[in-house]
């Protein structure tokens, strides 16, 4: 799976905050399971292939995602 995020720099009271922007692209596996027709689950990992931030800031080395869905 390929995922990503983009966030432009913020402005505060008309002034640009130059240290708040980030562009990141992630690539990683994802597994999805479905039980009957009402319950499903997924788990995935995102490993960064490109991270470009506008200044010194914390960015994730990797991301782990998980979710469960129940239709009733």
PDB file of N, CA and C in Angstrom:
ATOM      1  N   UNK A   1       0.839  -1.156   0.000  1.00  0.00           N
ATOM      2  CA  UNK A   1       0.000   0.000   0.000  1.00  0.00           C
ATOM      3  C   UNK A   1       0.897   1.237   0.000  1.00  0.00           C
ATOM      4  N   UNK A   2       0.501   2.233  -0.734  1.00  0.00           N
ATOM      5  CA  UNK A   2       1.189   3.521  -0.750  1.00  0.00           C
ATOM      6  C   UNK A   2       0.272   4.543  -0.102  1.00  0.00           C
ATOM      7  N   UNK A   3       0.804   5.314   0.832  1.00  0.00           N
ATOM      8  CA  UNK A   3       0.040   6.379   1.472  1.00  0.00           C
ATOM      9  C   UNK A   3       0.949   7.578   1.645  1.00  0.00           C
ATOM     10  N   UNK A   4       0.357   8.690   2.007  1.00  0.00           N
ATOM     11  CA  UNK A   4       1.159   9.887   2.183  1.00  0.00           C
ATOM     12  C   UNK A   4       0.409  10.965   2.910  1.00  0.00           C
ATOM     13  N   UNK A   5       1.110  12.035   3.179  1.00  0.00           N
ATOM     14  CA  UNK A   5       0.495  13.193   3.817  1.00  0.00           C
ATOM     15  C   UNK A   5       1.193  14.454   3.337  1.00  0.00           C
ATOM     16  N   UNK A   6       0.421  15.527   3.304  1.00  0.00           N
ATOM     17  CA  UNK A   6       0.953  16.834   2.943  1.00  0.00           C
ATOM     18  C   UNK A   6       0.338  17.863   3.877  1.00  0.00           C
ATOM     19  N   UNK A   7       1.158  18.720   4.419  1.00  0.00           N
ATOM     20  CA  UNK A   7       0.681  19.816   5.268  1.00  0.00           C
ATOM     21  C   UNK A   7       1.514  21.039   4.937  1.00  0.00           C
ATOM     22  N   UNK A   8       0.841  22.094   4.508  1.00  0.00           N
ATOM     23  CA  UNK A   8       1.516  23.347   4.190  1.00  0.00           C
ATOM     24  C   UNK A   8       1.869  24.073   5.482  1.00  0.00           C
ATOM     25  N   UNK A   9       2.686  25.091   5.395  1.00  0.00           N
ATOM     26  CA  UNK A   9       3.053  25.863   6.586  1.00  0.00           C
ATOM     27  C   UNK A   9       1.840  26.613   7.121  1.00  0.00           C
ATOM     28  N   UNK A  10       1.803  26.795   8.422  1.00  0.00           N
ATOM     29  CA  UNK A  10       0.713  27.502   9.087  1.00  0.00           C
ATOM     30  C   UNK A  10       0.949  29.003   9.048  1.00  0.00           C
ATOM     31  N   UNK A  11      -0.130  29.736   9.256  1.00  0.00           N
ATOM     32  CA  UNK A  11      -0.026  31.186   9.471  1.00  0.00           C
ATOM     33  C   UNK A  11      -0.686  31.509  10.796  1.00  0.00           C
ATOM     34  N   UNK A  12      -0.114  32.453  11.493  1.00  0.00           N
ATOM     35  CA  UNK A  12      -0.655  32.891  12.779  1.00  0.00           C
ATOM     36  C   UNK A  12      -0.634  34.405  12.802  1.00  0.00           C
ATOM     37  N   UNK A  13      -1.805  34.990  12.927  1.00  0.00           N
ATOM     38  CA  UNK A  13      -1.974  36.443  12.930  1.00  0.00           C
ATOM     39  C   UNK A  13      -1.291  37.073  11.722  1.00  0.00           C
ATOM     40  N   UNK A  14      -1.462  36.423  10.569  1.00  0.00           N
ATOM     41  CA  UNK A  14      -0.932  36.939   9.320  1.00  0.00           C
ATOM     42  C   UNK A  14       0.522  36.619   9.035  1.00  0.00           C
ATOM     43  N   UNK A  15       1.250  36.064   9.990  1.00  0.00           N
ATOM     44  CA  UNK A  15       2.664  35.732   9.796  1.00  0.00           C
ATOM     45  C   UNK A  15       2.807  34.237   9.525  1.00  0.00           C
ATOM     46  N   UNK A  16       3.676  33.884   8.598  1.00  0.00           N
ATOM     47  CA  UNK A  16       3.900  32.484   8.263  1.00  0.00           C
ATOM     48  C   UNK A  16       4.810  31.833   9.295  1.00  0.00           C
ATOM     49  N   UNK A  17       4.423  30.625   9.727  1.00  0.00           N
ATOM     50  CA  UNK A  17       5.265  29.823  10.626  1.00  0.00           C
ATOM     51  C   UNK A  17       6.007  28.826   9.739  1.00  0.00           C
ATOM     52  N   UNK A  18       7.246  29.113   9.423  1.00  0.00           N
ATOM     53  CA  UNK A  18       7.989  28.362   8.419  1.00  0.00           C
ATOM     54  C   UNK A  18       8.431  26.972   8.853  1.00  0.00           C
ATOM     55  N   UNK A  19       8.181  26.583  10.093  1.00  0.00           N
ATOM     56  CA  UNK A  19       8.650  25.282  10.573  1.00  0.00           C
ATOM     57  C   UNK A  19       7.525  24.277  10.770  1.00  0.00           C
ATOM     58  N   UNK A  20       6.427  24.388  10.018  1.00  0.00           N
ATOM     59  CA  UNK A  20       5.273  23.512  10.267  1.00  0.00           C
ATOM     60  C   UNK A  20       4.855  22.683   9.060  1.00  0.00           C
ATOM     61  N   UNK A  21       5.532  22.764   7.949  1.00  0.00           N
ATOM     62  CA  UNK A  21       5.127  22.028   6.761  1.00  0.00           C
ATOM     63  C   UNK A  21       5.812  20.677   6.648  1.00  0.00           C
ATOM     64  N   UNK A  22       5.125  19.718   6.039  1.00  0.00           N
ATOM     65  CA  UNK A  22       5.703  18.387   5.826  1.00  0.00           C
ATOM     66  C   UNK A  22       5.039  17.726   4.615  1.00  0.00           C
ATOM     67  N   UNK A  23       5.834  16.995   3.856  1.00  0.00           N
ATOM     68  CA  UNK A  23       5.354  16.141   2.783  1.00  0.00           C
ATOM     69  C   UNK A  23       6.015  14.784   2.979  1.00  0.00           C
ATOM     70  N   UNK A  24       5.224  13.726   3.046  1.00  0.00           N
ATOM     71  CA  UNK A  24       5.772  12.392   3.298  1.00  0.00           C
ATOM     72  C   UNK A  24       5.053  11.366   2.436  1.00  0.00           C
ATOM     73  N   UNK A  25       5.815  10.374   1.956  1.00  0.00           N
ATOM     74  CA  UNK A  25       5.271   9.257   1.198  1.00  0.00           C
ATOM     75  C   UNK A  25       5.719   7.976   1.893  1.00  0.00           C
ATOM     76  N   UNK A  26       4.766   7.072   2.121  1.00  0.00           N
ATOM     77  CA  UNK A  26       5.027   5.814   2.823  1.00  0.00           C
ATOM     78  C   UNK A  26       4.659   4.637   1.928  1.00  0.00           C
ATOM     79  N   UNK A  27       5.341   3.517   2.121  1.00  0.00           N
ATOM     80  CA  UNK A  27       5.073   2.290   1.397  1.00  0.00           C
ATOM     81  C   UNK A  27       5.153   1.136   2.390  1.00  0.00           C
ATOM     82  N   UNK A  28       4.199   0.216   2.312  1.00  0.00           N
ATOM     83  CA  UNK A  28       4.250  -0.912   3.236  1.00  0.00           C
ATOM     84  C   UNK A  28       3.129  -1.904   3.007  1.00  0.00           C
ATOM     85  N   UNK A  29       3.188  -3.026   3.712  1.00  0.00           N
ATOM     86  CA  UNK A  29       2.176  -4.076   3.553  1.00  0.00           C
ATOM     87  C   UNK A  29       0.904  -3.771   4.342  1.00  0.00           C
ATOM     88  N   UNK A  30      -0.193  -4.363   3.885  1.00  0.00           N
ATOM     89  CA  UNK A  30      -1.460  -4.272   4.620  1.00  0.00           C
ATOM     90  C   UNK A  30      -2.188  -5.595   4.465  1.00  0.00           C
ATOM     91  N   UNK A  31      -2.728  -6.103   5.559  1.00  0.00           N
ATOM     92  CA  UNK A  31      -3.540  -7.317   5.557  1.00  0.00           C
ATOM     93  C   UNK A  31      -4.968  -6.966   5.945  1.00  0.00           C
ATOM     94  N   UNK A  32      -5.921  -7.510   5.211  1.00  0.00           N
ATOM     95  CA  UNK A  32      -7.336  -7.299   5.512  1.00  0.00           C
ATOM     96  C   UNK A  32      -8.019  -8.651   5.636  1.00  0.00           C
ATOM     97  N   UNK A  33      -8.888  -8.781   6.645  1.00  0.00           N
ATOM     98  CA  UNK A  33      -9.636 -10.009   6.893  1.00  0.00           C
ATOM     99  C   UNK A  33     -11.110  -9.668   7.012  1.00  0.00           C
ATOM    100  N   UNK A  34     -11.956 -10.573   6.500  1.00  0.00           N
ATOM    101  CA  UNK A  34     -13.402 -10.407   6.645  1.00  0.00           C
ATOM    102  C   UNK A  34     -13.981 -11.716   7.163  1.00  0.00           C
ATOM    103  N   UNK A  35     -14.756 -11.639   8.238  1.00  0.00           N
ATOM    104  CA  UNK A  35     -15.452 -12.777   8.812  1.00  0.00           C
ATOM    105  C   UNK A  35     -16.939 -12.581   8.571  1.00  0.00           C
ATOM    106  N   UNK A  36     -17.553 -13.582   7.946  1.00  0.00           N
ATOM    107  CA  UNK A  36     -18.967 -13.501   7.554  1.00  0.00           C
ATOM    108  C   UNK A  36     -19.148 -12.236   6.725  1.00  0.00           C
ATOM    109  N   UNK A  37     -20.225 -11.527   6.926  1.00  0.00           N
ATOM    110  CA  UNK A  37     -20.421 -10.289   6.167  1.00  0.00           C
ATOM    111  C   UNK A  37     -20.488  -9.071   7.076  1.00  0.00           C
ATOM    112  N   UNK A  38     -20.246  -9.265   8.365  1.00  0.00           N
ATOM    113  CA  UNK A  38     -20.422  -8.162   9.303  1.00  0.00           C
ATOM    114  C   UNK A  38     -19.164  -7.706  10.008  1.00  0.00           C
ATOM    115  N   UNK A  39     -18.131  -8.522  10.073  1.00  0.00           N
ATOM    116  CA  UNK A  39     -16.943  -8.179  10.847  1.00  0.00           C
ATOM    117  C   UNK A  39     -15.703  -8.228   9.954  1.00  0.00           C
ATOM    118  N   UNK A  40     -14.927  -7.171   9.970  1.00  0.00           N
ATOM    119  CA  UNK A  40     -13.679  -7.145   9.206  1.00  0.00           C
ATOM    120  C   UNK A  40     -12.607  -6.444  10.031  1.00  0.00           C
ATOM    121  N   UNK A  41     -11.354  -6.738   9.684  1.00  0.00           N
ATOM    122  CA  UNK A  41     -10.222  -6.143  10.391  1.00  0.00           C
ATOM    123  C   UNK A  41      -9.087  -5.925   9.401  1.00  0.00           C
ATOM    124  N   UNK A  42      -8.246  -4.952   9.712  1.00  0.00           N
ATOM    125  CA  UNK A  42      -7.068  -4.724   8.895  1.00  0.00           C
ATOM    126  C   UNK A  42      -5.910  -4.268   9.771  1.00  0.00           C
ATOM    127  N   UNK A  43      -4.707  -4.570   9.299  1.00  0.00           N
ATOM    128  CA  UNK A  43      -3.503  -4.117   9.971  1.00  0.00           C
ATOM    129  C   UNK A  43      -2.476  -3.811   8.875  1.00  0.00           C
ATOM    130  N   UNK A  44      -1.709  -2.764   9.085  1.00  0.00           N
ATOM    131  CA  UNK A  44      -0.726  -2.378   8.089  1.00  0.00           C
ATOM    132  C   UNK A  44       0.446  -1.657   8.714  1.00  0.00           C
ATOM    133  N   UNK A  45       1.527  -1.600   7.972  1.00  0.00           N
ATOM    134  CA  UNK A  45       2.726  -0.868   8.397  1.00  0.00           C
ATOM    135  C   UNK A  45       3.137   0.065   7.268  1.00  0.00           C
ATOM    136  N   UNK A  46       3.537   1.265   7.610  1.00  0.00           N
ATOM    137  CA  UNK A  46       3.976   2.256   6.635  1.00  0.00           C
ATOM    138  C   UNK A  46       5.428   2.605   6.902  1.00  0.00           C
ATOM    139  N   UNK A  47       6.283   2.354   5.921  1.00  0.00           N
ATOM    140  CA  UNK A  47       7.696   2.700   6.021  1.00  0.00           C
ATOM    141  C   UNK A  47       7.959   3.892   5.108  1.00  0.00           C
ATOM    142  N   UNK A  48       8.625   4.930   5.604  1.00  0.00           N
ATOM    143  CA  UNK A  48       8.806   6.128   4.788  1.00  0.00           C
ATOM    144  C   UNK A  48       9.785   5.900   3.636  1.00  0.00           C
ATOM    145  N   UNK A  49       9.392   6.375   2.455  1.00  0.00           N
ATOM    146  CA  UNK A  49      10.318   6.361   1.332  1.00  0.00           C
ATOM    147  C   UNK A  49      10.754   7.777   0.977  1.00  0.00           C
ATOM    148  N   UNK A  50      10.015   8.777   1.457  1.00  0.00           N
ATOM    149  CA  UNK A  50      10.388  10.172   1.240  1.00  0.00           C
ATOM    150  C   UNK A  50       9.739  11.039   2.318  1.00  0.00           C
ATOM    151  N   UNK A  51      10.541  11.808   3.027  1.00  0.00           N
ATOM    152  CA  UNK A  51      10.031  12.763   4.014  1.00  0.00           C
ATOM    153  C   UNK A  51      10.748  14.090   3.785  1.00  0.00           C
ATOM    154  N   UNK A  52       9.963  15.140   3.574  1.00  0.00           N
ATOM    155  CA  UNK A  52      10.509  16.477   3.372  1.00  0.00           C
ATOM    156  C   UNK A  52       9.780  17.419   4.314  1.00  0.00           C
ATOM    157  N   UNK A  53      10.471  17.865   5.362  1.00  0.00           N
ATOM    158  CA  UNK A  53       9.856  18.813   6.286  1.00  0.00           C
ATOM    159  C   UNK A  53      10.543  20.164   6.137  1.00  0.00           C
ATOM    160  N   UNK A  54       9.857  21.220   6.561  1.00  0.00           N
ATOM    161  CA  UNK A  54      10.326  22.577   6.303  1.00  0.00           C
ATOM    162  C   UNK A  54      11.360  23.073   7.305  1.00  0.00           C
ATOM    163  N   UNK A  55      11.552  22.380   8.392  1.00  0.00           N
ATOM    164  CA  UNK A  55      12.528  22.796   9.401  1.00  0.00           C
ATOM    165  C   UNK A  55      12.741  21.636  10.364  1.00  0.00           C
ATOM    166  N   UNK A  56      13.340  21.910  11.482  1.00  0.00           N
ATOM    167  CA  UNK A  56      13.574  20.899  12.500  1.00  0.00           C
ATOM    168  C   UNK A  56      12.253  20.569  13.194  1.00  0.00           C
ATOM    169  N   UNK A  57      11.776  19.339  12.996  1.00  0.00           N
ATOM    170  CA  UNK A  57      10.542  18.897  13.633  1.00  0.00           C
ATOM    171  C   UNK A  57      10.525  17.379  13.702  1.00  0.00           C
ATOM    172  N   UNK A  58       9.674  16.861  14.543  1.00  0.00           N
ATOM    173  CA  UNK A  58       9.562  15.421  14.732  1.00  0.00           C
ATOM    174  C   UNK A  58       8.705  14.822  13.626  1.00  0.00           C
ATOM    175  N   UNK A  59       9.218  13.769  12.983  1.00  0.00           N
ATOM    176  CA  UNK A  59       8.462  13.022  11.979  1.00  0.00           C
ATOM    177  C   UNK A  59       8.617  11.536  12.295  1.00  0.00           C
ATOM    178  N   UNK A  60       7.605  10.707  11.986  1.00  0.00           N
ATOM    179  CA  UNK A  60       7.685   9.292  12.355  1.00  0.00           C
ATOM    180  C   UNK A  60       8.683   8.519  11.502  1.00  0.00           C
ATOM    181  N   UNK A  61       9.386   7.567  12.124  1.00  0.00           N
ATOM    182  CA  UNK A  61      10.257   6.651  11.400  1.00  0.00           C
ATOM    183  C   UNK A  61       9.424   5.605  10.655  1.00  0.00           C
ATOM    184  N   UNK A  62       8.286   5.238  11.215  1.00  0.00           N
ATOM    185  CA  UNK A  62       7.359   4.288  10.620  1.00  0.00           C
ATOM    186  C   UNK A  62       6.002   4.481  11.278  1.00  0.00           C
ATOM    187  N   UNK A  63       4.968   3.932  10.679  1.00  0.00           N
ATOM    188  CA  UNK A  63       3.624   3.997  11.244  1.00  0.00           C
ATOM    189  C   UNK A  63       3.015   2.597  11.202  1.00  0.00           C
ATOM    190  N   UNK A  64       2.252   2.257  12.233  1.00  0.00           N
ATOM    191  CA  UNK A  64       1.508   1.005  12.292  1.00  0.00           C
ATOM    192  C   UNK A  64       0.034   1.370  12.411  1.00  0.00           C
ATOM    193  N   UNK A  65      -0.779   0.773  11.551  1.00  0.00           N
ATOM    194  CA  UNK A  65      -2.214   1.055  11.551  1.00  0.00           C
ATOM    195  C   UNK A  65      -2.991  -0.226  11.794  1.00  0.00           C
ATOM    196  N   UNK A  66      -4.107  -0.128  12.506  1.00  0.00           N
ATOM    197  CA  UNK A  66      -4.975  -1.265  12.743  1.00  0.00           C
ATOM    198  C   UNK A  66      -6.414  -0.769  12.866  1.00  0.00           C
ATOM    199  N   UNK A  67      -7.350  -1.581  12.455  1.00  0.00           N
ATOM    200  CA  UNK A  67      -8.749  -1.189  12.564  1.00  0.00           C
ATOM    201  C   UNK A  67      -9.666  -2.394  12.549  1.00  0.00           C
ATOM    202  N   UNK A  68     -10.805  -2.258  13.186  1.00  0.00           N
ATOM    203  CA  UNK A  68     -11.837  -3.290  13.221  1.00  0.00           C
ATOM    204  C   UNK A  68     -13.159  -2.623  12.865  1.00  0.00           C
ATOM    205  N   UNK A  69     -13.925  -3.262  11.992  1.00  0.00           N
ATOM    206  CA  UNK A  69     -15.230  -2.731  11.581  1.00  0.00           C
ATOM    207  C   UNK A  69     -16.288  -3.797  11.793  1.00  0.00           C
ATOM    208  N   UNK A  70     -17.383  -3.394  12.414  1.00  0.00           N
ATOM    209  CA  UNK A  70     -18.516  -4.294  12.628  1.00  0.00           C
ATOM    210  C   UNK A  70     -19.762  -3.616  12.067  1.00  0.00           C
ATOM    211  N   UNK A  71     -20.384  -4.232  11.086  1.00  0.00           N
ATOM    212  CA  UNK A  71     -21.636  -3.714  10.498  1.00  0.00           C
ATOM    213  C   UNK A  71     -22.811  -4.371  11.196  1.00  0.00           C
ATOM    214  N   UNK A  72     -23.767  -3.567  11.639  1.00  0.00           N
ATOM    215  CA  UNK A  72     -24.950  -4.127  12.276  1.00  0.00           C
ATOM    216  C   UNK A  72     -26.211  -3.526  11.704  1.00  0.00           C
TER     217      UNK A  72
END
